[in-house]
Amino acid sequence: YELADKVGMVFQDPESQLFMTTVEREIAF
Protein backbone atom coordinates (compact mmCIF):
# COMPACT_ATOMS: atom_id res chain seq x y z
CA TYR A 1 0.00 0.00 0.00
CA GLU A 2 2.98 2.31 0.51
CA LEU A 3 3.95 1.76 -3.13
CA ALA A 4 0.47 2.35 -4.61
CA ASP A 5 1.42 5.73 -6.11
CA LYS A 6 4.67 4.27 -7.48
CA VAL A 7 3.57 0.89 -8.88
CA GLY A 8 0.07 -0.06 -9.97
CA MET A 9 -0.77 -3.65 -10.85
CA VAL A 10 -3.58 -5.03 -13.00
CA PHE A 11 -4.24 -8.75 -12.65
CA GLN A 12 -5.19 -11.33 -15.27
CA ASP A 13 -8.68 -11.76 -13.83
CA PRO A 14 -10.21 -8.29 -13.28
CA GLU A 15 -12.99 -9.73 -11.11
CA SER A 16 -10.39 -10.53 -8.47
CA GLN A 17 -9.75 -6.82 -7.89
CA LEU A 18 -13.25 -5.38 -8.40
CA PHE A 19 -15.52 -5.49 -5.36
CA MET A 20 -17.37 -2.17 -4.94
CA THR A 21 -21.02 -1.63 -5.87
CA THR A 22 -20.42 0.76 -8.79
CA VAL A 23 -17.64 1.60 -11.19
CA GLU A 24 -17.38 5.13 -9.77
CA ARG A 25 -16.94 3.80 -6.22
CA GLU A 26 -14.44 1.23 -7.48
CA ILE A 27 -12.22 3.97 -8.90
CA ALA A 28 -12.64 6.13 -5.79
CA PHE A 29 -11.73 3.33 -3.38
mmCIF file of all heavy atoms, coordinates in Angstrom:
data_MODEL
# 
_entry.id   MODEL 
# 
loop_
_atom_site.group_PDB 
_atom_site.id 
_atom_site.type_symbol 
_atom_site.label_atom_id 
_atom_site.label_alt_id 
_atom_site.label_comp_id 
_atom_site.label_asym_id 
_atom_site.label_entity_id 
_atom_site.label_seq_id 
_atom_site.pdbx_PDB_ins_code 
_atom_site.Cartn_x 
_atom_site.Cartn_y 
_atom_site.Cartn_z 
_atom_site.occupancy 
_atom_site.B_iso_or_equiv 
_atom_site.pdbx_formal_charge 
_atom_site.auth_seq_id 
_atom_site.auth_comp_id 
_atom_site.auth_asym_id 
_atom_site.auth_atom_id 
_atom_site.pdbx_PDB_model_num 
ATOM 1   N N   . TYR A 1 1  ? 0.828   -1.216  0.000   1.00 0.00 ? 1  TYR A N   1 
ATOM 2   C CA  . TYR A 1 1  ? 0.000   0.000   0.000   1.00 0.00 ? 1  TYR A CA  1 
ATOM 3   C C   . TYR A 1 1  ? 0.861   1.264   0.000   1.00 0.00 ? 1  TYR A C   1 
ATOM 4   O O   . TYR A 1 1  ? 0.435   2.318   -0.472  1.00 0.00 ? 1  TYR A O   1 
ATOM 5   C CB  . TYR A 1 1  ? -0.959  -0.006  1.194   1.00 0.00 ? 1  TYR A CB  1 
ATOM 6   C CG  . TYR A 1 1  ? -0.320  0.199   2.545   1.00 0.00 ? 1  TYR A CG  1 
ATOM 7   C CD1 . TYR A 1 1  ? -0.079  1.483   3.045   1.00 0.00 ? 1  TYR A CD1 1 
ATOM 8   C CD2 . TYR A 1 1  ? 0.045   -0.884  3.336   1.00 0.00 ? 1  TYR A CD2 1 
ATOM 9   C CE1 . TYR A 1 1  ? 0.517   1.674   4.283   1.00 0.00 ? 1  TYR A CE1 1 
ATOM 10  C CE2 . TYR A 1 1  ? 0.634   -0.705  4.581   1.00 0.00 ? 1  TYR A CE2 1 
ATOM 11  C CZ  . TYR A 1 1  ? 0.865   0.578   5.047   1.00 0.00 ? 1  TYR A CZ  1 
ATOM 12  O OH  . TYR A 1 1  ? 1.456   0.757   6.273   1.00 0.00 ? 1  TYR A OH  1 
ATOM 13  N N   . GLU A 1 2  ? 2.086   1.157   0.516   1.00 0.00 ? 2  GLU A N   1 
ATOM 14  C CA  . GLU A 1 2  ? 2.981   2.308   0.512   1.00 0.00 ? 2  GLU A CA  1 
ATOM 15  C C   . GLU A 1 2  ? 3.527   2.600   -0.886  1.00 0.00 ? 2  GLU A C   1 
ATOM 16  O O   . GLU A 1 2  ? 4.032   3.695   -1.143  1.00 0.00 ? 2  GLU A O   1 
ATOM 17  C CB  . GLU A 1 2  ? 4.155   2.063   1.470   1.00 0.00 ? 2  GLU A CB  1 
ATOM 18  C CG  . GLU A 1 2  ? 3.747   1.912   2.919   1.00 0.00 ? 2  GLU A CG  1 
ATOM 19  C CD  . GLU A 1 2  ? 4.937   1.598   3.814   1.00 0.00 ? 2  GLU A CD  1 
ATOM 20  O OE1 . GLU A 1 2  ? 5.572   0.537   3.628   1.00 0.00 ? 2  GLU A OE1 1 
ATOM 21  O OE2 . GLU A 1 2  ? 5.232   2.431   4.688   1.00 0.00 ? 2  GLU A OE2 1 
ATOM 22  N N   . LEU A 1 3  ? 3.415   1.624   -1.770  1.00 0.00 ? 3  LEU A N   1 
ATOM 23  C CA  . LEU A 1 3  ? 3.951   1.758   -3.128  1.00 0.00 ? 3  LEU A CA  1 
ATOM 24  C C   . LEU A 1 3  ? 2.864   2.055   -4.156  1.00 0.00 ? 3  LEU A C   1 
ATOM 25  O O   . LEU A 1 3  ? 3.146   2.123   -5.354  1.00 0.00 ? 3  LEU A O   1 
ATOM 26  C CB  . LEU A 1 3  ? 4.674   0.461   -3.531  1.00 0.00 ? 3  LEU A CB  1 
ATOM 27  C CG  . LEU A 1 3  ? 5.833   0.016   -2.628  1.00 0.00 ? 3  LEU A CG  1 
ATOM 28  C CD1 . LEU A 1 3  ? 6.309   -1.372  -3.035  1.00 0.00 ? 3  LEU A CD1 1 
ATOM 29  C CD2 . LEU A 1 3  ? 6.972   1.010   -2.678  1.00 0.00 ? 3  LEU A CD2 1 
ATOM 30  N N   . ALA A 1 4  ? 1.615   2.245   -3.695  1.00 0.00 ? 4  ALA A N   1 
ATOM 31  C CA  . ALA A 1 4  ? 0.474   2.355   -4.614  1.00 0.00 ? 4  ALA A CA  1 
ATOM 32  C C   . ALA A 1 4  ? 0.605   3.512   -5.595  1.00 0.00 ? 4  ALA A C   1 
ATOM 33  O O   . ALA A 1 4  ? 0.112   3.429   -6.724  1.00 0.00 ? 4  ALA A O   1 
ATOM 34  C CB  . ALA A 1 4  ? -0.819  2.484   -3.821  1.00 0.00 ? 4  ALA A CB  1 
ATOM 35  N N   . ASP A 1 5  ? 1.252   4.601   -5.193  1.00 0.00 ? 5  ASP A N   1 
ATOM 36  C CA  . ASP A 1 5  ? 1.422   5.728   -6.113  1.00 0.00 ? 5  ASP A CA  1 
ATOM 37  C C   . ASP A 1 5  ? 2.720   5.621   -6.908  1.00 0.00 ? 5  ASP A C   1 
ATOM 38  O O   . ASP A 1 5  ? 3.052   6.511   -7.692  1.00 0.00 ? 5  ASP A O   1 
ATOM 39  C CB  . ASP A 1 5  ? 1.364   7.056   -5.356  1.00 0.00 ? 5  ASP A CB  1 
ATOM 40  C CG  . ASP A 1 5  ? 2.482   7.194   -4.330  1.00 0.00 ? 5  ASP A CG  1 
ATOM 41  O OD1 . ASP A 1 5  ? 3.086   6.167   -3.963  1.00 0.00 ? 5  ASP A OD1 1 
ATOM 42  O OD2 . ASP A 1 5  ? 2.745   8.328   -3.886  1.00 0.00 ? 5  ASP A OD2 1 
ATOM 43  N N   . LYS A 1 6  ? 3.448   4.529   -6.714  1.00 0.00 ? 6  LYS A N   1 
ATOM 44  C CA  . LYS A 1 6  ? 4.671   4.267   -7.485  1.00 0.00 ? 6  LYS A CA  1 
ATOM 45  C C   . LYS A 1 6  ? 4.439   3.149   -8.501  1.00 0.00 ? 6  LYS A C   1 
ATOM 46  O O   . LYS A 1 6  ? 4.853   3.246   -9.647  1.00 0.00 ? 6  LYS A O   1 
ATOM 47  C CB  . LYS A 1 6  ? 5.817   3.865   -6.547  1.00 0.00 ? 6  LYS A CB  1 
ATOM 48  C CG  . LYS A 1 6  ? 6.132   4.863   -5.451  1.00 0.00 ? 6  LYS A CG  1 
ATOM 49  C CD  . LYS A 1 6  ? 6.722   6.130   -6.002  1.00 0.00 ? 6  LYS A CD  1 
ATOM 50  C CE  . LYS A 1 6  ? 7.208   7.056   -4.901  1.00 0.00 ? 6  LYS A CE  1 
ATOM 51  N NZ  . LYS A 1 6  ? 6.149   7.477   -3.950  1.00 0.00 ? 6  LYS A NZ  1 
ATOM 52  N N   . VAL A 1 7  ? 3.813   2.060   -8.019  1.00 0.00 ? 7  VAL A N   1 
ATOM 53  C CA  . VAL A 1 7  ? 3.568   0.893   -8.876  1.00 0.00 ? 7  VAL A CA  1 
ATOM 54  C C   . VAL A 1 7  ? 2.100   0.495   -8.776  1.00 0.00 ? 7  VAL A C   1 
ATOM 55  O O   . VAL A 1 7  ? 1.596   0.244   -7.691  1.00 0.00 ? 7  VAL A O   1 
ATOM 56  C CB  . VAL A 1 7  ? 4.435   -0.317  -8.460  1.00 0.00 ? 7  VAL A CB  1 
ATOM 57  C CG1 . VAL A 1 7  ? 4.174   -1.493  -9.403  1.00 0.00 ? 7  VAL A CG1 1 
ATOM 58  C CG2 . VAL A 1 7  ? 5.902   0.035   -8.453  1.00 0.00 ? 7  VAL A CG2 1 
ATOM 59  N N   . GLY A 1 8  ? 1.429   0.446   -9.920  1.00 0.00 ? 8  GLY A N   1 
ATOM 60  C CA  . GLY A 1 8  ? 0.067   -0.057  -9.975  1.00 0.00 ? 8  GLY A CA  1 
ATOM 61  C C   . GLY A 1 8  ? 0.055   -1.379  -10.709 1.00 0.00 ? 8  GLY A C   1 
ATOM 62  O O   . GLY A 1 8  ? 0.766   -1.551  -11.694 1.00 0.00 ? 8  GLY A O   1 
ATOM 63  N N   . MET A 1 9  ? -0.756  -2.337  -10.215 1.00 0.00 ? 9  MET A N   1 
ATOM 64  C CA  . MET A 1 9  ? -0.775  -3.653  -10.848 1.00 0.00 ? 9  MET A CA  1 
ATOM 65  C C   . MET A 1 9  ? -2.183  -4.039  -11.252 1.00 0.00 ? 9  MET A C   1 
ATOM 66  O O   . MET A 1 9  ? -3.132  -3.888  -10.471 1.00 0.00 ? 9  MET A O   1 
ATOM 67  C CB  . MET A 1 9  ? -0.188  -4.720  -9.923  1.00 0.00 ? 9  MET A CB  1 
ATOM 68  C CG  . MET A 1 9  ? -0.116  -6.095  -10.555 1.00 0.00 ? 9  MET A CG  1 
ATOM 69  S SD  . MET A 1 9  ? 1.014   -7.194  -9.692  1.00 0.00 ? 9  MET A SD  1 
ATOM 70  C CE  . MET A 1 9  ? 0.692   -8.743  -10.540 1.00 0.00 ? 9  MET A CE  1 
ATOM 71  N N   . VAL A 1 10 ? -2.311  -4.529  -12.475 1.00 0.00 ? 10 VAL A N   1 
ATOM 72  C CA  . VAL A 1 10 ? -3.581  -5.031  -13.001 1.00 0.00 ? 10 VAL A CA  1 
ATOM 73  C C   . VAL A 1 10 ? -3.427  -6.532  -13.203 1.00 0.00 ? 10 VAL A C   1 
ATOM 74  O O   . VAL A 1 10 ? -2.501  -6.980  -13.888 1.00 0.00 ? 10 VAL A O   1 
ATOM 75  C CB  . VAL A 1 10 ? -3.951  -4.347  -14.332 1.00 0.00 ? 10 VAL A CB  1 
ATOM 76  C CG1 . VAL A 1 10 ? -5.251  -4.932  -14.892 1.00 0.00 ? 10 VAL A CG1 1 
ATOM 77  C CG2 . VAL A 1 10 ? -4.075  -2.843  -14.139 1.00 0.00 ? 10 VAL A CG2 1 
ATOM 78  N N   . PHE A 1 11 ? -4.355  -7.292  -12.628 1.00 0.00 ? 11 PHE A N   1 
ATOM 79  C CA  . PHE A 1 11 ? -4.241  -8.752  -12.654 1.00 0.00 ? 11 PHE A CA  1 
ATOM 80  C C   . PHE A 1 11 ? -4.921  -9.344  -13.884 1.00 0.00 ? 11 PHE A C   1 
ATOM 81  O O   . PHE A 1 11 ? -5.705  -8.690  -14.574 1.00 0.00 ? 11 PHE A O   1 
ATOM 82  C CB  . PHE A 1 11 ? -4.843  -9.352  -11.382 1.00 0.00 ? 11 PHE A CB  1 
ATOM 83  C CG  . PHE A 1 11 ? -4.163  -8.897  -10.128 1.00 0.00 ? 11 PHE A CG  1 
ATOM 84  C CD1 . PHE A 1 11 ? -4.657  -7.822  -9.407  1.00 0.00 ? 11 PHE A CD1 1 
ATOM 85  C CD2 . PHE A 1 11 ? -3.015  -9.530  -9.682  1.00 0.00 ? 11 PHE A CD2 1 
ATOM 86  C CE1 . PHE A 1 11 ? -4.027  -7.390  -8.238  1.00 0.00 ? 11 PHE A CE1 1 
ATOM 87  C CE2 . PHE A 1 11 ? -2.369  -9.108  -8.523  1.00 0.00 ? 11 PHE A CE2 1 
ATOM 88  C CZ  . PHE A 1 11 ? -2.876  -8.036  -7.812  1.00 0.00 ? 11 PHE A CZ  1 
ATOM 89  N N   . GLN A 1 12 ? -4.634  -10.623 -14.123 1.00 0.00 ? 12 GLN A N   1 
ATOM 90  C CA  . GLN A 1 12 ? -5.191  -11.330 -15.272 1.00 0.00 ? 12 GLN A CA  1 
ATOM 91  C C   . GLN A 1 12 ? -6.707  -11.396 -15.206 1.00 0.00 ? 12 GLN A C   1 
ATOM 92  O O   . GLN A 1 12 ? -7.395  -11.209 -16.207 1.00 0.00 ? 12 GLN A O   1 
ATOM 93  C CB  . GLN A 1 12 ? -4.602  -12.741 -15.336 1.00 0.00 ? 12 GLN A CB  1 
ATOM 94  C CG  . GLN A 1 12 ? -5.153  -13.585 -16.462 1.00 0.00 ? 12 GLN A CG  1 
ATOM 95  C CD  . GLN A 1 12 ? -4.493  -14.952 -16.519 1.00 0.00 ? 12 GLN A CD  1 
ATOM 96  O OE1 . GLN A 1 12 ? -3.378  -15.143 -16.044 1.00 0.00 ? 12 GLN A OE1 1 
ATOM 97  N NE2 . GLN A 1 12 ? -5.175  -15.920 -17.088 1.00 0.00 ? 12 GLN A NE2 1 
ATOM 98  N N   . ASP A 1 13 ? -7.237  -11.655 -14.023 1.00 0.00 ? 13 ASP A N   1 
ATOM 99  C CA  . ASP A 1 13 ? -8.676  -11.763 -13.832 1.00 0.00 ? 13 ASP A CA  1 
ATOM 100 C C   . ASP A 1 13 ? -9.179  -10.488 -13.156 1.00 0.00 ? 13 ASP A C   1 
ATOM 101 O O   . ASP A 1 13 ? -8.988  -10.320 -11.949 1.00 0.00 ? 13 ASP A O   1 
ATOM 102 C CB  . ASP A 1 13 ? -9.008  -12.980 -12.969 1.00 0.00 ? 13 ASP A CB  1 
ATOM 103 C CG  . ASP A 1 13 ? -10.492 -13.115 -12.692 1.00 0.00 ? 13 ASP A CG  1 
ATOM 104 O OD1 . ASP A 1 13 ? -11.284 -12.400 -13.346 1.00 0.00 ? 13 ASP A OD1 1 
ATOM 105 O OD2 . ASP A 1 13 ? -10.863 -13.924 -11.819 1.00 0.00 ? 13 ASP A OD2 1 
ATOM 106 N N   . PRO A 1 14 ? -9.812  -9.572  -13.880 1.00 0.00 ? 14 PRO A N   1 
ATOM 107 C CA  . PRO A 1 14 ? -10.213 -8.292  -13.280 1.00 0.00 ? 14 PRO A CA  1 
ATOM 108 C C   . PRO A 1 14 ? -11.209 -8.459  -12.136 1.00 0.00 ? 14 PRO A C   1 
ATOM 109 O O   . PRO A 1 14 ? -11.247 -7.632  -11.228 1.00 0.00 ? 14 PRO A O   1 
ATOM 110 C CB  . PRO A 1 14 ? -10.828 -7.522  -14.460 1.00 0.00 ? 14 PRO A CB  1 
ATOM 111 C CG  . PRO A 1 14 ? -11.210 -8.560  -15.452 1.00 0.00 ? 14 PRO A CG  1 
ATOM 112 C CD  . PRO A 1 14 ? -10.191 -9.651  -15.303 1.00 0.00 ? 14 PRO A CD  1 
ATOM 113 N N   . GLU A 1 15 ? -12.008 -9.532  -12.177 1.00 0.00 ? 15 GLU A N   1 
ATOM 114 C CA  . GLU A 1 15 ? -12.993 -9.729  -11.113 1.00 0.00 ? 15 GLU A CA  1 
ATOM 115 C C   . GLU A 1 15 ? -12.337 -9.868  -9.742  1.00 0.00 ? 15 GLU A C   1 
ATOM 116 O O   . GLU A 1 15 ? -12.951 -9.571  -8.718  1.00 0.00 ? 15 GLU A O   1 
ATOM 117 C CB  . GLU A 1 15 ? -13.854 -10.958 -11.410 1.00 0.00 ? 15 GLU A CB  1 
ATOM 118 C CG  . GLU A 1 15 ? -14.862 -10.739 -12.525 1.00 0.00 ? 15 GLU A CG  1 
ATOM 119 C CD  . GLU A 1 15 ? -15.778 -11.938 -12.706 1.00 0.00 ? 15 GLU A CD  1 
ATOM 120 O OE1 . GLU A 1 15 ? -15.270 -12.997 -13.089 1.00 0.00 ? 15 GLU A OE1 1 
ATOM 121 O OE2 . GLU A 1 15 ? -16.991 -11.802 -12.467 1.00 0.00 ? 15 GLU A OE2 1 
ATOM 122 N N   . SER A 1 16 ? -11.076 -10.322 -9.750  1.00 0.00 ? 16 SER A N   1 
ATOM 123 C CA  . SER A 1 16 ? -10.387 -10.528 -8.474  1.00 0.00 ? 16 SER A CA  1 
ATOM 124 C C   . SER A 1 16 ? -10.032 -9.224  -7.783  1.00 0.00 ? 16 SER A C   1 
ATOM 125 O O   . SER A 1 16 ? -9.691  -9.216  -6.599  1.00 0.00 ? 16 SER A O   1 
ATOM 126 C CB  . SER A 1 16 ? -9.115  -11.361 -8.691  1.00 0.00 ? 16 SER A CB  1 
ATOM 127 O OG  . SER A 1 16 ? -8.172  -10.642 -9.468  1.00 0.00 ? 16 SER A OG  1 
ATOM 128 N N   . GLN A 1 17 ? -10.086 -8.088  -8.518  1.00 0.00 ? 17 GLN A N   1 
ATOM 129 C CA  . GLN A 1 17 ? -9.754  -6.821  -7.888  1.00 0.00 ? 17 GLN A CA  1 
ATOM 130 C C   . GLN A 1 17 ? -10.885 -5.800  -7.970  1.00 0.00 ? 17 GLN A C   1 
ATOM 131 O O   . GLN A 1 17 ? -10.686 -4.634  -7.676  1.00 0.00 ? 17 GLN A O   1 
ATOM 132 C CB  . GLN A 1 17 ? -8.470  -6.243  -8.472  1.00 0.00 ? 17 GLN A CB  1 
ATOM 133 C CG  . GLN A 1 17 ? -8.483  -5.937  -9.946  1.00 0.00 ? 17 GLN A CG  1 
ATOM 134 C CD  . GLN A 1 17 ? -7.106  -5.519  -10.469 1.00 0.00 ? 17 GLN A CD  1 
ATOM 135 O OE1 . GLN A 1 17 ? -6.549  -6.183  -11.321 1.00 0.00 ? 17 GLN A OE1 1 
ATOM 136 N NE2 . GLN A 1 17 ? -6.549  -4.433  -9.967  1.00 0.00 ? 17 GLN A NE2 1 
ATOM 137 N N   . LEU A 1 18 ? -12.087 -6.249  -8.358  1.00 0.00 ? 18 LEU A N   1 
ATOM 138 C CA  . LEU A 1 18 ? -13.252 -5.380  -8.396  1.00 0.00 ? 18 LEU A CA  1 
ATOM 139 C C   . LEU A 1 18 ? -14.271 -5.873  -7.371  1.00 0.00 ? 18 LEU A C   1 
ATOM 140 O O   . LEU A 1 18 ? -14.731 -7.007  -7.461  1.00 0.00 ? 18 LEU A O   1 
ATOM 141 C CB  . LEU A 1 18 ? -13.885 -5.385  -9.799  1.00 0.00 ? 18 LEU A CB  1 
ATOM 142 C CG  . LEU A 1 18 ? -12.986 -4.947  -10.956 1.00 0.00 ? 18 LEU A CG  1 
ATOM 143 C CD1 . LEU A 1 18 ? -13.729 -5.081  -12.276 1.00 0.00 ? 18 LEU A CD1 1 
ATOM 144 C CD2 . LEU A 1 18 ? -12.487 -3.520  -10.758 1.00 0.00 ? 18 LEU A CD2 1 
ATOM 145 N N   . PHE A 1 19 ? -14.625 -5.020  -6.423  1.00 0.00 ? 19 PHE A N   1 
ATOM 146 C CA  . PHE A 1 19 ? -15.519 -5.490  -5.358  1.00 0.00 ? 19 PHE A CA  1 
ATOM 147 C C   . PHE A 1 19 ? -16.497 -4.437  -4.857  1.00 0.00 ? 19 PHE A C   1 
ATOM 148 O O   . PHE A 1 19 ? -17.337 -4.708  -3.998  1.00 0.00 ? 19 PHE A O   1 
ATOM 149 C CB  . PHE A 1 19 ? -14.685 -6.000  -4.165  1.00 0.00 ? 19 PHE A CB  1 
ATOM 150 C CG  . PHE A 1 19 ? -13.663 -5.025  -3.682  1.00 0.00 ? 19 PHE A CG  1 
ATOM 151 C CD1 . PHE A 1 19 ? -13.982 -4.072  -2.725  1.00 0.00 ? 19 PHE A CD1 1 
ATOM 152 C CD2 . PHE A 1 19 ? -12.371 -5.049  -4.187  1.00 0.00 ? 19 PHE A CD2 1 
ATOM 153 C CE1 . PHE A 1 19 ? -13.041 -3.166  -2.280  1.00 0.00 ? 19 PHE A CE1 1 
ATOM 154 C CE2 . PHE A 1 19 ? -11.423 -4.139  -3.740  1.00 0.00 ? 19 PHE A CE2 1 
ATOM 155 C CZ  . PHE A 1 19 ? -11.750 -3.203  -2.793  1.00 0.00 ? 19 PHE A CZ  1 
ATOM 156 N N   . MET A 1 20 ? -16.437 -3.205  -5.372  1.00 0.00 ? 20 MET A N   1 
ATOM 157 C CA  . MET A 1 20 ? -17.367 -2.172  -4.937  1.00 0.00 ? 20 MET A CA  1 
ATOM 158 C C   . MET A 1 20 ? -18.688 -2.279  -5.709  1.00 0.00 ? 20 MET A C   1 
ATOM 159 O O   . MET A 1 20 ? -18.804 -3.036  -6.658  1.00 0.00 ? 20 MET A O   1 
ATOM 160 C CB  . MET A 1 20 ? -16.742 -0.793  -5.110  1.00 0.00 ? 20 MET A CB  1 
ATOM 161 C CG  . MET A 1 20 ? -15.451 -0.599  -4.318  1.00 0.00 ? 20 MET A CG  1 
ATOM 162 S SD  . MET A 1 20 ? -15.691 -0.760  -2.531  1.00 0.00 ? 20 MET A SD  1 
ATOM 163 C CE  . MET A 1 20 ? -16.510 0.806   -2.178  1.00 0.00 ? 20 MET A CE  1 
ATOM 164 N N   . THR A 1 21 ? -19.684 -1.496  -5.297  1.00 0.00 ? 21 THR A N   1 
ATOM 165 C CA  . THR A 1 21 ? -21.023 -1.631  -5.869  1.00 0.00 ? 21 THR A CA  1 
ATOM 166 C C   . THR A 1 21 ? -21.192 -0.928  -7.209  1.00 0.00 ? 21 THR A C   1 
ATOM 167 O O   . THR A 1 21 ? -22.078 -1.274  -7.986  1.00 0.00 ? 21 THR A O   1 
ATOM 168 C CB  . THR A 1 21 ? -22.080 -1.089  -4.889  1.00 0.00 ? 21 THR A CB  1 
ATOM 169 O OG1 . THR A 1 21 ? -21.742 0.264   -4.539  1.00 0.00 ? 21 THR A OG1 1 
ATOM 170 C CG2 . THR A 1 21 ? -22.131 -1.945  -3.622  1.00 0.00 ? 21 THR A CG2 1 
ATOM 171 N N   . THR A 1 22 ? -20.373 0.073   -7.493  1.00 0.00 ? 22 THR A N   1 
ATOM 172 C CA  . THR A 1 22 ? -20.425 0.758   -8.787  1.00 0.00 ? 22 THR A CA  1 
ATOM 173 C C   . THR A 1 22 ? -19.018 1.021   -9.288  1.00 0.00 ? 22 THR A C   1 
ATOM 174 O O   . THR A 1 22 ? -18.055 1.004   -8.516  1.00 0.00 ? 22 THR A O   1 
ATOM 175 C CB  . THR A 1 22 ? -21.170 2.115   -8.700  1.00 0.00 ? 22 THR A CB  1 
ATOM 176 O OG1 . THR A 1 22 ? -20.375 3.036   -7.935  1.00 0.00 ? 22 THR A OG1 1 
ATOM 177 C CG2 . THR A 1 22 ? -22.558 1.954   -8.090  1.00 0.00 ? 22 THR A CG2 1 
ATOM 178 N N   . VAL A 1 23 ? -18.925 1.287   -10.578 1.00 0.00 ? 23 VAL A N   1 
ATOM 179 C CA  . VAL A 1 23 ? -17.635 1.601   -11.190 1.00 0.00 ? 23 VAL A CA  1 
ATOM 180 C C   . VAL A 1 23 ? -17.044 2.861   -10.566 1.00 0.00 ? 23 VAL A C   1 
ATOM 181 O O   . VAL A 1 23 ? -15.844 2.924   -10.260 1.00 0.00 ? 23 VAL A O   1 
ATOM 182 C CB  . VAL A 1 23 ? -17.807 1.777   -12.712 1.00 0.00 ? 23 VAL A CB  1 
ATOM 183 C CG1 . VAL A 1 23 ? -16.564 2.408   -13.326 1.00 0.00 ? 23 VAL A CG1 1 
ATOM 184 C CG2 . VAL A 1 23 ? -18.118 0.440   -13.372 1.00 0.00 ? 23 VAL A CG2 1 
ATOM 185 N N   . GLU A 1 24 ? -17.861 3.877   -10.355 1.00 0.00 ? 24 GLU A N   1 
ATOM 186 C CA  . GLU A 1 24 ? -17.381 5.130   -9.770  1.00 0.00 ? 24 GLU A CA  1 
ATOM 187 C C   . GLU A 1 24 ? -16.776 4.893   -8.391  1.00 0.00 ? 24 GLU A C   1 
ATOM 188 O O   . GLU A 1 24 ? -15.693 5.401   -8.069  1.00 0.00 ? 24 GLU A O   1 
ATOM 189 C CB  . GLU A 1 24 ? -18.532 6.127   -9.674  1.00 0.00 ? 24 GLU A CB  1 
ATOM 190 C CG  . GLU A 1 24 ? -18.099 7.509   -9.195  1.00 0.00 ? 24 GLU A CG  1 
ATOM 191 C CD  . GLU A 1 24 ? -19.246 8.497   -9.258  1.00 0.00 ? 24 GLU A CD  1 
ATOM 192 O OE1 . GLU A 1 24 ? -20.331 8.177   -8.737  1.00 0.00 ? 24 GLU A OE1 1 
ATOM 193 O OE2 . GLU A 1 24 ? -19.051 9.580   -9.828  1.00 0.00 ? 24 GLU A OE2 1 
ATOM 194 N N   . ARG A 1 25 ? -17.461 4.101   -7.569  1.00 0.00 ? 25 ARG A N   1 
ATOM 195 C CA  . ARG A 1 25 ? -16.943 3.800   -6.223  1.00 0.00 ? 25 ARG A CA  1 
ATOM 196 C C   . ARG A 1 25 ? -15.686 2.936   -6.295  1.00 0.00 ? 25 ARG A C   1 
ATOM 197 O O   . ARG A 1 25 ? -14.798 3.069   -5.452  1.00 0.00 ? 25 ARG A O   1 
ATOM 198 C CB  . ARG A 1 25 ? -18.019 3.105   -5.393  1.00 0.00 ? 25 ARG A CB  1 
ATOM 199 C CG  . ARG A 1 25 ? -19.179 4.012   -5.029  1.00 0.00 ? 25 ARG A CG  1 
ATOM 200 C CD  . ARG A 1 25 ? -20.180 3.317   -4.135  1.00 0.00 ? 25 ARG A CD  1 
ATOM 201 N NE  . ARG A 1 25 ? -21.245 4.222   -3.731  1.00 0.00 ? 25 ARG A NE  1 
ATOM 202 C CZ  . ARG A 1 25 ? -22.245 3.888   -2.919  1.00 0.00 ? 25 ARG A CZ  1 
ATOM 203 N NH1 . ARG A 1 25 ? -22.320 2.652   -2.447  1.00 0.00 ? 25 ARG A NH1 1 
ATOM 204 N NH2 . ARG A 1 25 ? -23.173 4.754   -2.593  1.00 0.00 ? 25 ARG A NH2 1 
ATOM 205 N N   . GLU A 1 26 ? -15.632 2.080   -7.302  1.00 0.00 ? 26 GLU A N   1 
ATOM 206 C CA  . GLU A 1 26 ? -14.442 1.235   -7.479  1.00 0.00 ? 26 GLU A CA  1 
ATOM 207 C C   . GLU A 1 26 ? -13.207 2.102   -7.715  1.00 0.00 ? 26 GLU A C   1 
ATOM 208 O O   . GLU A 1 26 ? -12.146 1.886   -7.132  1.00 0.00 ? 26 GLU A O   1 
ATOM 209 C CB  . GLU A 1 26 ? -14.657 0.291   -8.660  1.00 0.00 ? 26 GLU A CB  1 
ATOM 210 C CG  . GLU A 1 26 ? -13.590 -0.763  -8.813  1.00 0.00 ? 26 GLU A CG  1 
ATOM 211 C CD  . GLU A 1 26 ? -13.623 -1.787  -7.693  1.00 0.00 ? 26 GLU A CD  1 
ATOM 212 O OE1 . GLU A 1 26 ? -14.686 -2.351  -7.424  1.00 0.00 ? 26 GLU A OE1 1 
ATOM 213 O OE2 . GLU A 1 26 ? -12.548 -2.019  -7.089  1.00 0.00 ? 26 GLU A OE2 1 
ATOM 214 N N   . ILE A 1 27 ? -13.348 3.086   -8.582  1.00 0.00 ? 27 ILE A N   1 
ATOM 215 C CA  . ILE A 1 27 ? -12.224 3.965   -8.896  1.00 0.00 ? 27 ILE A CA  1 
ATOM 216 C C   . ILE A 1 27 ? -11.860 4.836   -7.699  1.00 0.00 ? 27 ILE A C   1 
ATOM 217 O O   . ILE A 1 27 ? -10.681 5.093   -7.435  1.00 0.00 ? 27 ILE A O   1 
ATOM 218 C CB  . ILE A 1 27 ? -12.564 4.836   -10.121 1.00 0.00 ? 27 ILE A CB  1 
ATOM 219 C CG1 . ILE A 1 27 ? -12.757 3.935   -11.352 1.00 0.00 ? 27 ILE A CG1 1 
ATOM 220 C CG2 . ILE A 1 27 ? -11.477 5.866   -10.388 1.00 0.00 ? 27 ILE A CG2 1 
ATOM 221 C CD1 . ILE A 1 27 ? -13.304 4.658   -12.555 1.00 0.00 ? 27 ILE A CD1 1 
ATOM 222 N N   . ALA A 1 28 ? -12.881 5.248   -6.945  1.00 0.00 ? 28 ALA A N   1 
ATOM 223 C CA  . ALA A 1 28 ? -12.640 6.127   -5.795  1.00 0.00 ? 28 ALA A CA  1 
ATOM 224 C C   . ALA A 1 28 ? -12.009 5.399   -4.611  1.00 0.00 ? 28 ALA A C   1 
ATOM 225 O O   . ALA A 1 28 ? -11.364 6.029   -3.765  1.00 0.00 ? 28 ALA A O   1 
ATOM 226 C CB  . ALA A 1 28 ? -13.949 6.773   -5.350  1.00 0.00 ? 28 ALA A CB  1 
ATOM 227 N N   . PHE A 1 29 ? -12.177 4.081   -4.555  1.00 0.00 ? 29 PHE A N   1 
ATOM 228 C CA  . PHE A 1 29 ? -11.726 3.325   -3.378  1.00 0.00 ? 29 PHE A CA  1 
ATOM 229 C C   . PHE A 1 29 ? -10.230 3.506   -3.119  1.00 0.00 ? 29 PHE A C   1 
ATOM 230 O O   . PHE A 1 29 ? -9.800  3.791   -1.999  1.00 0.00 ? 29 PHE A O   1 
ATOM 231 C CB  . PHE A 1 29 ? -12.056 1.840   -3.559  1.00 0.00 ? 29 PHE A CB  1 
ATOM 232 C CG  . PHE A 1 29 ? -11.590 0.983   -2.414  1.00 0.00 ? 29 PHE A CG  1 
ATOM 233 C CD1 . PHE A 1 29 ? -12.283 0.958   -1.220  1.00 0.00 ? 29 PHE A CD1 1 
ATOM 234 C CD2 . PHE A 1 29 ? -10.440 0.205   -2.535  1.00 0.00 ? 29 PHE A CD2 1 
ATOM 235 C CE1 . PHE A 1 29 ? -11.846 0.163   -0.165  1.00 0.00 ? 29 PHE A CE1 1 
ATOM 236 C CE2 . PHE A 1 29 ? -9.998  -0.579  -1.489  1.00 0.00 ? 29 PHE A CE2 1 
ATOM 237 C CZ  . PHE A 1 29 ? -10.699 -0.604  -0.296  1.00 0.00 ? 29 PHE A CZ  1 
# 
